[in-house]
N, C-alpha and C. Protein backbone atom coordinates (compact mmCIF):
# COMPACT_ATOMS: atom_id res chain seq x y z
N MET A 1 36.74 9.44 8.67
CA MET A 1 36.35 9.05 9.71
C MET A 1 34.89 8.56 9.39
N LYS A 2 34.56 7.72 9.97
CA LYS A 2 32.99 6.95 10.09
C LYS A 2 32.52 6.63 11.15
N ILE A 3 31.36 7.22 11.73
CA ILE A 3 31.10 6.86 12.85
C ILE A 3 29.35 6.31 12.37
N SER A 4 29.26 5.42 13.18
CA SER A 4 27.83 4.45 12.86
C SER A 4 27.29 4.23 14.24
N ILE A 5 25.82 4.39 14.41
CA ILE A 5 24.98 4.44 15.57
C ILE A 5 23.96 3.49 14.91
N ASP A 6 23.86 2.31 15.84
CA ASP A 6 22.57 1.57 15.95
C ASP A 6 21.41 2.06 17.02
N ILE A 7 20.26 2.29 16.40
CA ILE A 7 19.23 2.51 17.54
C ILE A 7 18.33 1.37 17.39
N ASP A 8 18.07 0.80 18.59
CA ASP A 8 17.05 -0.42 18.75
C ASP A 8 15.67 0.22 19.56
N LEU A 9 14.63 0.32 18.75
CA LEU A 9 13.42 0.96 18.88
C LEU A 9 12.23 0.21 18.54
N SER A 10 11.20 0.16 19.29
CA SER A 10 10.00 -0.49 19.00
C SER A 10 9.26 0.35 18.13
N PRO A 11 8.21 0.27 17.25
CA PRO A 11 7.32 1.46 16.58
C PRO A 11 7.00 2.06 17.52
N GLN A 12 6.27 1.61 18.89
CA GLN A 12 5.95 2.68 19.59
C GLN A 12 6.87 3.51 20.10
N GLU A 13 7.87 3.26 20.19
CA GLU A 13 9.00 4.14 20.79
C GLU A 13 9.53 5.05 20.13
N ALA A 14 9.50 4.67 18.86
CA ALA A 14 9.67 5.65 17.69
C ALA A 14 8.71 6.34 17.44
N ARG A 15 7.51 6.07 17.39
CA ARG A 15 6.40 7.03 17.42
C ARG A 15 6.71 8.39 18.41
N GLU A 16 6.60 7.65 19.72
CA GLU A 16 6.90 8.87 20.68
C GLU A 16 8.20 9.66 20.82
N PHE A 17 9.32 9.06 20.11
CA PHE A 17 10.22 9.92 19.96
C PHE A 17 10.37 11.02 18.95
N MET A 18 9.56 10.87 17.86
CA MET A 18 9.29 11.57 16.77
C MET A 18 8.10 12.86 17.05
N GLY A 19 7.57 12.45 17.86
CA GLY A 19 6.06 12.92 18.43
C GLY A 19 4.87 12.85 17.51
N TRP A 20 5.01 11.54 16.97
CA TRP A 20 3.79 11.05 15.78
C TRP A 20 2.64 10.55 16.72
N PRO A 21 1.50 10.78 16.69
CA PRO A 21 0.41 10.37 17.06
C PRO A 21 0.20 8.87 16.94
N ASN A 22 -0.10 8.19 18.09
CA ASN A 22 -0.77 6.55 18.20
C ASN A 22 -1.96 6.25 17.47
N LEU A 23 -1.82 5.86 16.36
CA LEU A 23 -3.34 5.70 15.55
C LEU A 23 -3.67 4.45 15.56
N SER A 24 -3.02 3.41 16.52
CA SER A 24 -3.49 2.12 16.75
C SER A 24 -5.14 1.91 17.01
N LYS A 25 -5.54 2.59 17.89
CA LYS A 25 -6.98 2.50 18.23
C LYS A 25 -7.65 2.76 16.87
N LEU A 26 -7.35 4.10 16.58
CA LEU A 26 -8.35 4.15 15.08
C LEU A 26 -7.88 3.37 14.08
N HIS A 27 -6.94 2.30 13.91
CA HIS A 27 -6.65 1.55 13.12
C HIS A 27 -7.36 0.35 13.26
N GLU A 28 -7.61 -0.15 14.61
CA GLU A 28 -8.52 -1.13 14.97
C GLU A 28 -9.86 -0.91 14.81
N ALA A 29 -10.24 0.09 15.15
CA ALA A 29 -11.72 0.66 14.84
C ALA A 29 -12.15 0.46 13.39
N THR A 30 -11.28 1.03 12.83
CA THR A 30 -11.59 1.19 11.43
C THR A 30 -11.73 -0.23 10.55
N LEU A 31 -10.68 -0.97 11.18
CA LEU A 31 -10.86 -2.74 10.85
C LEU A 31 -11.84 -2.97 11.03
N SER A 32 -12.43 -3.28 12.33
CA SER A 32 -13.42 -3.94 13.02
C SER A 32 -14.64 -3.48 12.09
N GLN A 33 -14.94 -2.15 11.99
CA GLN A 33 -16.18 -1.73 11.18
C GLN A 33 -16.25 -2.12 9.85
N LEU A 34 -15.03 -2.45 9.21
CA LEU A 34 -15.07 -2.88 7.96
C LEU A 34 -15.25 -4.47 7.70
N SER A 35 -14.87 -4.96 8.69
CA SER A 35 -15.42 -6.59 8.83
C SER A 35 -16.44 -6.86 9.30
N GLU A 36 -17.22 -5.58 9.92
CA GLU A 36 -18.75 -5.88 10.28
C GLU A 36 -19.34 -5.91 9.13
N GLN A 37 -19.17 -4.64 8.57
CA GLN A 37 -19.88 -4.50 7.06
C GLN A 37 -19.93 -5.68 6.13
N ILE A 38 -18.14 -6.53 6.13
CA ILE A 38 -18.20 -7.63 5.12
C ILE A 38 -19.09 -8.67 5.69
N LYS A 39 -19.18 -8.86 6.76
CA LYS A 39 -20.07 -9.99 7.28
C LYS A 39 -21.30 -9.80 7.16
N ASP A 40 -21.79 -8.72 7.22
CA ASP A 40 -23.14 -8.32 6.97
C ASP A 40 -23.49 -8.11 5.53
N GLY A 41 -22.81 -8.43 4.40
CA GLY A 41 -22.91 -8.65 3.29
C GLY A 41 -22.48 -7.14 2.20
N ASN A 42 -22.19 -6.13 2.98
CA ASN A 42 -21.75 -5.15 2.12
C ASN A 42 -20.61 -4.99 1.69
N GLN A 43 -20.33 -5.53 0.02
CA GLN A 43 -19.23 -5.88 -0.52
C GLN A 43 -18.74 -4.52 -1.17
N GLU A 44 -19.58 -3.42 -0.89
CA GLU A 44 -19.48 -2.22 -1.56
C GLU A 44 -18.33 -1.43 -0.85
N ALA A 45 -18.18 -1.54 0.55
CA ALA A 45 -17.35 -0.82 1.66
C ALA A 45 -15.44 -1.53 1.06
N MET A 46 -15.80 -2.68 0.91
CA MET A 46 -14.31 -3.63 0.71
C MET A 46 -13.82 -3.17 -0.76
N MET A 47 -14.93 -2.75 -1.75
CA MET A 47 -14.31 -2.65 -2.97
C MET A 47 -13.96 -0.90 -2.99
N THR A 48 -14.67 -0.02 -2.21
CA THR A 48 -14.30 1.29 -2.18
C THR A 48 -12.95 1.37 -1.56
N MET A 49 -12.66 0.30 -0.63
CA MET A 49 -11.15 0.49 -0.01
C MET A 49 -10.26 0.11 -0.77
N LEU A 50 -10.54 -0.91 -1.62
CA LEU A 50 -9.47 -1.54 -2.67
C LEU A 50 -9.32 -0.93 -3.98
N LYS A 51 -10.30 0.21 -4.17
CA LYS A 51 -10.20 0.46 -5.53
C LYS A 51 -9.15 1.66 -5.86
N PRO A 52 -8.45 2.61 -5.09
CA PRO A 52 -7.26 2.84 -5.24
C PRO A 52 -6.30 1.92 -5.64
N TYR A 53 -6.06 1.00 -5.21
CA TYR A 53 -4.98 -0.01 -5.42
C TYR A 53 -4.87 -0.95 -6.64
N LEU A 54 -6.24 -1.39 -6.84
CA LEU A 54 -6.85 -2.15 -8.09
C LEU A 54 -6.53 -1.15 -9.17
N ASP A 55 -6.92 0.14 -9.43
CA ASP A 55 -6.50 0.93 -10.36
C ASP A 55 -4.91 1.39 -10.69
N GLY A 56 -4.25 1.42 -9.49
CA GLY A 56 -2.86 1.77 -9.49
C GLY A 56 -2.05 0.49 -10.33
N SER A 57 -2.64 -0.88 -9.72
CA SER A 57 -2.15 -1.78 -10.56
C SER A 57 -2.49 -1.88 -12.10
N GLN A 58 -3.42 -1.92 -12.24
CA GLN A 58 -3.99 -1.79 -13.51
C GLN A 58 -3.25 -0.79 -14.53
N HIS A 59 -2.99 0.35 -14.33
CA HIS A 59 -2.26 1.12 -14.73
C HIS A 59 -0.76 0.86 -15.02
N ALA A 60 -0.25 0.08 -14.19
CA ALA A 60 1.21 -0.56 -13.76
C ALA A 60 1.22 -1.57 -14.83
N PHE A 61 0.45 -2.37 -14.99
CA PHE A 61 0.01 -3.66 -15.74
C PHE A 61 0.08 -2.95 -17.44
N SER A 62 -0.61 -2.05 -17.32
CA SER A 62 -0.71 -1.28 -19.01
C SER A 62 0.47 -0.68 -19.45
N TYR A 63 1.11 -0.12 -18.57
CA TYR A 63 2.35 0.42 -18.86
C TYR A 63 3.65 -0.73 -19.12
N TYR A 64 3.39 -1.83 -18.09
CA TYR A 64 4.63 -2.73 -18.44
C TYR A 64 4.17 -3.52 -19.93
N GLN A 65 3.03 -3.56 -20.42
CA GLN A 65 2.35 -4.12 -21.33
C GLN A 65 2.95 -3.22 -22.68
N LYS A 66 2.75 -2.04 -22.55
CA LYS A 66 3.26 -1.15 -23.61
C LYS A 66 4.64 -1.04 -23.84
N MET A 67 5.44 -1.25 -22.61
CA MET A 67 6.95 -1.28 -22.68
C MET A 67 7.27 -2.73 -23.31
N LEU A 68 6.71 -3.81 -23.10
CA LEU A 68 6.87 -4.96 -23.90
C LEU A 68 6.84 -4.99 -25.22
N GLU A 69 5.76 -4.51 -25.65
CA GLU A 69 5.26 -4.46 -26.86
C GLU A 69 6.11 -3.49 -27.79
N SER A 70 6.89 -2.12 -27.12
CA SER A 70 7.77 -1.47 -27.67
C SER A 70 8.86 -2.19 -28.10
N ILE A 71 9.30 -3.05 -27.06
CA ILE A 71 10.75 -3.65 -27.08
C ILE A 71 10.55 -4.54 -28.08
N THR A 72 9.33 -5.28 -28.36
CA THR A 72 8.85 -6.45 -29.36
C THR A 72 9.28 -5.98 -30.64
N THR A 73 8.58 -4.58 -30.78
CA THR A 73 8.14 -3.70 -32.30
C THR A 73 9.58 -3.30 -32.52
N ALA A 74 10.52 -2.96 -31.83
CA ALA A 74 12.25 -2.51 -31.96
C ALA A 74 13.01 -3.48 -32.38
N THR A 75 12.64 -4.84 -31.58
CA THR A 75 13.44 -5.94 -32.04
C THR A 75 13.39 -6.58 -33.23
N SER A 76 11.60 -6.51 -33.79
CA SER A 76 11.54 -7.10 -34.98
C SER A 76 11.63 -6.29 -36.27
N LYS A 77 11.83 -5.10 -35.92
CA LYS A 77 12.31 -4.02 -37.10
C LYS A 77 14.00 -4.20 -37.65
N LYS A 78 14.82 -4.71 -36.80
CA LYS A 78 15.94 -4.65 -36.98
C LYS A 78 16.26 -5.96 -37.75
């Protein structure tokens, strides 16, 4: 026996149902402050925010490159 239930909720309704806080005002305030800092020429704020993502993508690319090198090396030895 298989029972399937579909629930149609908006993100706000889902947050309320789960008891999670609504952080949309905090999100808007943070983005507006960041936007003002960038308009004022503070590129440091943007780089501080993007640094974790950029570092992660560099590590992923490095891993991918090493994987391709190992495949190439293994194939050339055969």
